[in-house]
C-alpha atoms as a PDB file:
ATOM      1  CA  MET A   1     -33.921 -70.618-191.205  1.00  0.00           C
ATOM      2  CA  ASP A   2     -35.971 -73.767-190.555  1.00  0.00           C
ATOM      3  CA  ILE A   3     -38.430 -74.794-193.242  1.00  0.00           C
ATOM      4  CA  SER A   4     -42.143 -74.756-192.462  1.00  0.00           C
ATOM      5  CA  HIS A   5     -44.446 -76.124-195.118  1.00  0.00           C
ATOM      6  CA  TYR A   6     -47.825 -75.238-193.642  1.00  0.00           C
ATOM      7  CA  PHE A   7     -49.020 -71.886-192.300  1.00  0.00           C
ATOM      8  CA  PHE A   8     -52.613 -72.080-191.064  1.00  0.00           C
ATOM      9  CA  GLY A   9     -54.449 -68.768-191.155  1.00  0.00           C
ATOM     10  CA  ARG A  10     -56.537 -69.720-188.129  1.00  0.00           C
ATOM     11  CA  ASP A  11     -53.319 -69.779-186.085  1.00  0.00           C
ATOM     12  CA  ILE A  12     -51.833 -66.499-187.345  1.00  0.00           C
ATOM     13  CA  PRO A  13     -53.071 -63.333-185.632  1.00  0.00           C
ATOM     14  CA  PHE A  14     -53.116 -59.937-187.292  1.00  0.00           C
ATOM     15  CA  ASP A  15     -50.717 -57.244-186.129  1.00  0.00           C
ATOM     16  CA  ASP A  16     -52.590 -53.964-185.663  1.00  0.00           C
ATOM     17  CA  LEU A  17     -50.442 -51.331-187.362  1.00  0.00           C
ATOM     18  CA  GLY A  18     -52.792 -48.533-186.295  1.00  0.00           C
ATOM     19  CA  LYS A  19     -54.717 -45.979-188.338  1.00  0.00           C
ATOM     20  CA  GLY A  20     -57.023 -48.612-189.839  1.00  0.00           C
ATOM     21  CA  VAL A  21     -54.391 -51.056-191.100  1.00  0.00           C
ATOM     22  CA  LYS A  22     -53.618 -54.574-189.881  1.00  0.00           C
ATOM     23  CA  ARG A  23     -51.524 -57.334-191.394  1.00  0.00           C
ATOM     24  CA  ARG A  24     -50.376 -60.873-190.879  1.00  0.00           C
ATOM     25  CA  VAL A  25     -47.426 -62.677-192.336  1.00  0.00           C
ATOM     26  CA  LEU A  26     -48.549 -65.920-193.927  1.00  0.00           C
ATOM     27  CA  ALA A  27     -46.183 -68.382-195.626  1.00  0.00           C
ATOM     28  CA  TYR A  28     -42.535 -67.423-195.988  1.00  0.00           C
ATOM     29  CA  HIS A  29     -38.959 -68.564-196.261  1.00  0.00           C
ATOM     30  CA  GLU A  30     -35.731 -66.742-197.036  1.00  0.00           C
ATOM     31  CA  ASN A  31     -36.504 -65.895-200.652  1.00  0.00           C
ATOM     32  CA  LEU A  32     -40.280 -65.470-200.637  1.00  0.00           C
ATOM     33  CA  MET A  33     -43.081 -64.171-198.402  1.00  0.00           C
ATOM     34  CA  ILE A  34     -46.839 -63.625-198.637  1.00  0.00           C
ATOM     35  CA  VAL A  35     -48.584 -61.090-196.404  1.00  0.00           C
ATOM     36  CA  GLU A  36     -52.300 -60.361-195.950  1.00  0.00           C
ATOM     37  CA  THR A  37     -53.163 -56.736-195.197  1.00  0.00           C
ATOM     38  CA  VAL A  38     -56.601 -55.367-194.281  1.00  0.00           C
ATOM     39  CA  PHE A  39     -57.508 -51.675-194.616  1.00  0.00           C
ATOM     40  CA  GLU A  40     -60.457 -49.704-193.283  1.00  0.00           C
ATOM     41  CA  ALA A  41     -61.912 -47.149-195.684  1.00  0.00           C
ATOM     42  CA  GLY A  42     -59.738 -44.040-195.636  1.00  0.00           C
ATOM     43  CA  ALA A  43     -56.668 -45.835-194.266  1.00  0.00           C
ATOM     44  CA  VAL A  44     -53.368 -44.942-195.869  1.00  0.00           C
ATOM     45  CA  GLY A  45     -50.401 -47.093-196.799  1.00  0.00           C
ATOM     46  CA  VAL A  46     -47.820 -44.310-196.538  1.00  0.00           C
ATOM     47  CA  MET A  47     -45.440 -43.691-199.407  1.00  0.00           C
ATOM     48  CA  HIS A  48     -42.306 -45.785-198.905  1.00  0.00           C
ATOM     49  CA  HIS A  49     -39.713 -47.894-200.663  1.00  0.00           C
ATOM     50  CA  HIS A  50     -37.681 -50.986-199.825  1.00  0.00           C
ATOM     51  CA  PRO A  51     -35.110 -53.221-201.526  1.00  0.00           C
ATOM     52  CA  HIS A  52     -37.596 -56.073-202.090  1.00  0.00           C
ATOM     53  CA  GLU A  53     -39.528 -56.907-205.242  1.00  0.00           C
ATOM     54  CA  GLN A  54     -43.259 -56.880-204.508  1.00  0.00           C
ATOM     55  CA  ILE A  55     -46.470 -57.970-206.180  1.00  0.00           C
ATOM     56  CA  THR A  56     -49.807 -56.884-204.729  1.00  0.00           C
ATOM     57  CA  TYR A  57     -53.114 -58.628-205.478  1.00  0.00           C
ATOM     58  CA  ILE A  58     -56.417 -56.973-204.527  1.00  0.00           C
ATOM     59  CA  ILE A  59     -58.866 -59.388-202.878  1.00  0.00           C
ATOM     60  CA  GLU A  60     -61.520 -56.915-201.681  1.00  0.00           C
ATOM     61  CA  GLY A  61     -62.191 -53.175-201.714  1.00  0.00           C
ATOM     62  CA  GLU A  62     -60.888 -50.294-203.797  1.00  0.00           C
ATOM     63  CA  PHE A  63     -57.542 -48.542-203.522  1.00  0.00           C
ATOM     64  CA  ASP A  64     -55.821 -45.587-205.140  1.00  0.00           C
ATOM     65  CA  PHE A  65     -52.276 -46.920-205.573  1.00  0.00           C
ATOM     66  CA  THR A  66     -49.366 -44.657-206.420  1.00  0.00           C
ATOM     67  CA  ILE A  67     -46.282 -46.305-207.903  1.00  0.00           C
ATOM     68  CA  ASN A  68     -43.371 -44.213-209.140  1.00  0.00           C
ATOM     69  CA  GLY A  69     -45.537 -41.073-209.242  1.00  0.00           C
ATOM     70  CA  VAL A  70     -48.483 -42.618-211.136  1.00  0.00           C
ATOM     71  CA  THR A  71     -51.800 -43.143-209.315  1.00  0.00           C
ATOM     72  CA  LYS A  72     -54.449 -45.608-210.485  1.00  0.00           C
ATOM     73  CA  ARG A  73     -57.632 -47.008-208.948  1.00  0.00           C
ATOM     74  CA  VAL A  74     -57.445 -50.782-208.401  1.00  0.00           C
ATOM     75  CA  VAL A  75     -60.241 -53.222-207.524  1.00  0.00           C
ATOM     76  CA  PRO A  76     -60.587 -56.961-206.783  1.00  0.00           C
ATOM     77  CA  GLY A  77     -58.718 -59.070-209.303  1.00  0.00           C
ATOM     78  CA  ASP A  78     -56.191 -56.325-210.115  1.00  0.00           C
ATOM     79  CA  SER A  79     -52.494 -56.671-209.296  1.00  0.00           C
ATOM     80  CA  MET A  80     -49.409 -54.482-209.331  1.00  0.00           C
ATOM     81  CA  TYR A  81     -45.664 -55.036-209.564  1.00  0.00           C
ATOM     82  CA  LYS A  82     -43.177 -52.871-207.648  1.00  0.00           C
ATOM     83  CA  GLN A  83     -39.499 -53.174-208.467  1.00  0.00           C
ATOM     84  CA  PRO A  84     -36.887 -52.754-205.708  1.00  0.00           C
ATOM     85  CA  ASP A  85     -36.663 -49.237-204.238  1.00  0.00           C
ATOM     86  CA  VAL A  86     -39.580 -47.781-206.224  1.00  0.00           C
ATOM     87  CA  LEU A  87     -41.618 -45.248-204.211  1.00  0.00           C
ATOM     88  CA  HIS A  88     -45.168 -46.502-203.640  1.00  0.00           C
ATOM     89  CA  GLY A  89     -48.190 -46.170-201.349  1.00  0.00           C
ATOM     90  CA  ALA A  90     -51.969 -46.408-201.316  1.00  0.00           C
ATOM     91  CA  VAL A  91     -55.179 -44.868-200.030  1.00  0.00           C
ATOM     92  CA  CYS A  92     -58.037 -47.247-199.292  1.00  0.00           C
ATOM     93  CA  VAL A  93     -61.198 -45.883-200.925  1.00  0.00           C
ATOM     94  CA  LYS A  94     -63.492 -48.788-199.970  1.00  0.00           C
ATOM     95  CA  ALA A  95     -62.549 -51.117-197.073  1.00  0.00           C
ATOM     96  CA  GLY A  96     -60.454 -53.907-198.451  1.00  0.00           C
ATOM     97  CA  LYS A  97     -57.954 -56.699-198.264  1.00  0.00           C
ATOM     98  CA  LEU A  98     -54.864 -57.414-200.302  1.00  0.00           C
ATOM     99  CA  LEU A  99     -52.061 -59.932-200.601  1.00  0.00           C
ATOM    100  CA  ASP A 100     -48.465 -58.812-200.922  1.00  0.00           C
ATOM    101  CA  ILE A 101     -45.789 -61.159-202.204  1.00  0.00           C
ATOM    102  CA  PHE A 102     -42.187 -60.187-201.484  1.00  0.00           C
ATOM    103  CA  THR A 103     -38.835 -61.503-202.601  1.00  0.00           C
ATOM    104  CA  PRO A 104     -36.723 -61.888-200.613  1.00  0.00           C
ATOM    105  CA  HIS A 105     -38.757 -62.126-197.411  1.00  0.00           C
ATOM    106  CA  ARG A 106     -39.271 -59.036-195.232  1.00  0.00           C
ATOM    107  CA  ALA A 107     -37.227 -59.702-192.082  1.00  0.00           C
ATOM    108  CA  ASP A 108     -38.576 -56.431-190.644  1.00  0.00           C
ATOM    109  CA  PHE A 109     -42.135 -57.817-190.813  1.00  0.00           C
ATOM    110  CA  LEU A 110     -41.099 -60.941-188.910  1.00  0.00           C
ATOM    111  CA  LYS A 111     -39.436 -58.922-186.157  1.00  0.00           C
ATOM    112  CA  LYS A 112     -42.569 -56.781-185.739  1.00  0.00           C
ATOM    113  CA  SER A 113     -44.951 -59.775-185.647  1.00  0.00           C
ATOM    114  CA  GLU A 114     -42.711 -61.612-183.172  1.00  0.00           C
ATOM    115  CA  GLY A 115     -42.465 -58.542-180.939  1.00  0.00           C
ATOM    116  CA  LEU A 116     -38.677 -58.265-181.286  1.00  0.00           C
END
């Protein structure tokens, strides 16, 4: 994988995932990735799991996040850690934006954003 040092947001379009959710992959390399995701009020991040470690930081809005069967309301400035393969998901209560950091990078996100 070639190394890119700069990823300019103005040049990175959002992928519309449908049902009020869109995301764009920002900076990444093999072992690390940051992703911006925007939710409309009422949109759902379906319950899922993956082999990546993940940290989520809330920039805007309010979300009811469920991690490993426990649901908590999170607001701007809050963050969550999700270990590999833990079941998690969210419901957007108030339209919002979050940043997800993954290690290693999510190859599946790159394939989707590149249309592969």
